[in-house]
């Protein structure tokens, strides 16, 4: 299966979500997927790191359902889903 959007938590126990993003981009199922970072951290440097890792968006926890749905709509409508916002 191929995925249009993949939501990744940044604070994972065994690796960072930024490292996982790179691994996902190399997989056939996820290479063209828009990555959405979810994190407890929302400073500009956190958002920049997510952009540099290839995330299309960076959301800060707790993420309201409407914000998640709006983000999914935005990143799937973008001509280049790999461009971070």
C-alpha atoms as a PDB file:
ATOM      1  CA  UNK A   1       0.000   0.000   0.000  1.00  0.00           C
ATOM      2  CA  UNK A   2       1.073   3.568  -0.652  1.00  0.00           C
ATOM      3  CA  UNK A   3       0.295   6.352   1.775  1.00  0.00           C
ATOM      4  CA  UNK A   4      -0.536   9.973   0.916  1.00  0.00           C
ATOM      5  CA  UNK A   5       0.215  11.200   4.441  1.00  0.00           C
ATOM      6  CA  UNK A   6       2.319   9.717   7.226  1.00  0.00           C
ATOM      7  CA  UNK A   7       2.083  11.213  10.727  1.00  0.00           C
ATOM      8  CA  UNK A   8       5.291  10.767  12.713  1.00  0.00           C
ATOM      9  CA  UNK A   9       5.882  11.555  16.372  1.00  0.00           C
ATOM     10  CA  UNK A  10       9.250  13.258  16.796  1.00  0.00           C
ATOM     11  CA  UNK A  11       9.946  11.955  20.317  1.00  0.00           C
ATOM     12  CA  UNK A  12      10.256   8.211  19.779  1.00  0.00           C
ATOM     13  CA  UNK A  13      11.959   5.927  22.318  1.00  0.00           C
ATOM     14  CA  UNK A  14      14.619   4.349  20.071  1.00  0.00           C
ATOM     15  CA  UNK A  15      15.236   7.020  17.422  1.00  0.00           C
ATOM     16  CA  UNK A  16      14.090  10.507  16.590  1.00  0.00           C
ATOM     17  CA  UNK A  17      11.209  11.062  14.236  1.00  0.00           C
ATOM     18  CA  UNK A  18      13.637  13.039  12.081  1.00  0.00           C
ATOM     19  CA  UNK A  19      15.762   9.924  11.552  1.00  0.00           C
ATOM     20  CA  UNK A  20      12.643   7.856  10.919  1.00  0.00           C
ATOM     21  CA  UNK A  21      11.542  10.377   8.272  1.00  0.00           C
ATOM     22  CA  UNK A  22      14.694   9.700   6.272  1.00  0.00           C
ATOM     23  CA  UNK A  23      14.110   5.954   6.472  1.00  0.00           C
ATOM     24  CA  UNK A  24      10.462   6.306   5.427  1.00  0.00           C
ATOM     25  CA  UNK A  25      11.391   8.402   2.402  1.00  0.00           C
ATOM     26  CA  UNK A  26      13.476   5.478   1.113  1.00  0.00           C
ATOM     27  CA  UNK A  27      10.570   3.006   1.271  1.00  0.00           C
ATOM     28  CA  UNK A  28       8.389   2.419  -1.812  1.00  0.00           C
ATOM     29  CA  UNK A  29       5.211   2.796   0.258  1.00  0.00           C
ATOM     30  CA  UNK A  30       6.174   6.152   1.736  1.00  0.00           C
ATOM     31  CA  UNK A  31       8.654   7.827  -0.590  1.00  0.00           C
ATOM     32  CA  UNK A  32       6.049  10.171  -2.057  1.00  0.00           C
ATOM     33  CA  UNK A  33       4.086  10.485   1.184  1.00  0.00           C
ATOM     34  CA  UNK A  34       3.683  13.888   2.820  1.00  0.00           C
ATOM     35  CA  UNK A  35       5.218  13.584   6.279  1.00  0.00           C
ATOM     36  CA  UNK A  36       3.531  15.392   9.168  1.00  0.00           C
ATOM     37  CA  UNK A  37       5.590  15.810  12.345  1.00  0.00           C
ATOM     38  CA  UNK A  38       3.836  15.766  15.715  1.00  0.00           C
ATOM     39  CA  UNK A  39       5.828  16.967  18.699  1.00  0.00           C
ATOM     40  CA  UNK A  40       5.572  18.436  22.148  1.00  0.00           C
ATOM     41  CA  UNK A  41       8.102  21.035  21.013  1.00  0.00           C
ATOM     42  CA  UNK A  42       7.133  23.962  18.808  1.00  0.00           C
ATOM     43  CA  UNK A  43       9.988  26.447  18.850  1.00  0.00           C
ATOM     44  CA  UNK A  44      11.282  27.750  15.519  1.00  0.00           C
ATOM     45  CA  UNK A  45      14.358  25.490  15.744  1.00  0.00           C
ATOM     46  CA  UNK A  46      12.076  22.452  16.195  1.00  0.00           C
ATOM     47  CA  UNK A  47      10.042  23.436  13.136  1.00  0.00           C
ATOM     48  CA  UNK A  48      13.232  24.085  11.157  1.00  0.00           C
ATOM     49  CA  UNK A  49      14.600  20.645  12.025  1.00  0.00           C
ATOM     50  CA  UNK A  50      11.356  19.091  10.819  1.00  0.00           C
ATOM     51  CA  UNK A  51      11.511  21.025   7.528  1.00  0.00           C
ATOM     52  CA  UNK A  52      15.130  19.977   7.034  1.00  0.00           C
ATOM     53  CA  UNK A  53      14.180  16.332   7.682  1.00  0.00           C
ATOM     54  CA  UNK A  54      11.576  16.522   4.909  1.00  0.00           C
ATOM     55  CA  UNK A  55       8.370  17.033   6.855  1.00  0.00           C
ATOM     56  CA  UNK A  56       5.573  18.877   5.054  1.00  0.00           C
ATOM     57  CA  UNK A  57       4.189  20.183   8.366  1.00  0.00           C
ATOM     58  CA  UNK A  58       5.021  20.330  12.076  1.00  0.00           C
ATOM     59  CA  UNK A  59       2.160  20.177  14.589  1.00  0.00           C
ATOM     60  CA  UNK A  60       2.494  20.746  18.331  1.00  0.00           C
ATOM     61  CA  UNK A  61       0.759  18.478  20.847  1.00  0.00           C
ATOM     62  CA  UNK A  62      -1.972  18.384  21.816  1.00  0.00           C
ATOM     63  CA  UNK A  63      -3.189  18.575  18.224  1.00  0.00           C
ATOM     64  CA  UNK A  64      -6.882  19.413  17.851  1.00  0.00           C
ATOM     65  CA  UNK A  65      -8.648  17.123  15.376  1.00  0.00           C
ATOM     66  CA  UNK A  66      -9.619  20.042  13.129  1.00  0.00           C
ATOM     67  CA  UNK A  67      -5.990  21.213  12.940  1.00  0.00           C
ATOM     68  CA  UNK A  68      -4.865  17.712  11.939  1.00  0.00           C
ATOM     69  CA  UNK A  69      -7.585  17.436   9.286  1.00  0.00           C
ATOM     70  CA  UNK A  70      -6.780  20.926   7.930  1.00  0.00           C
ATOM     71  CA  UNK A  71      -3.093  20.020   7.740  1.00  0.00           C
ATOM     72  CA  UNK A  72      -3.819  16.772   5.908  1.00  0.00           C
ATOM     73  CA  UNK A  73      -5.992  18.654   3.402  1.00  0.00           C
ATOM     74  CA  UNK A  74      -3.286  21.294   2.900  1.00  0.00           C
ATOM     75  CA  UNK A  75      -0.354  18.924   2.424  1.00  0.00           C
ATOM     76  CA  UNK A  76      -2.243  16.617   0.077  1.00  0.00           C
ATOM     77  CA  UNK A  77      -3.412  19.574  -2.036  1.00  0.00           C
ATOM     78  CA  UNK A  78       0.104  21.019  -2.354  1.00  0.00           C
ATOM     79  CA  UNK A  79       1.768  20.532  -5.746  1.00  0.00           C
ATOM     80  CA  UNK A  80       4.951  19.402  -3.977  1.00  0.00           C
ATOM     81  CA  UNK A  81       4.005  17.562  -0.787  1.00  0.00           C
ATOM     82  CA  UNK A  82       7.617  17.627   0.387  1.00  0.00           C
ATOM     83  CA  UNK A  83       7.605  21.408   0.933  1.00  0.00           C
ATOM     84  CA  UNK A  84       7.384  22.185   4.647  1.00  0.00           C
ATOM     85  CA  UNK A  85       5.144  24.901   6.007  1.00  0.00           C
END
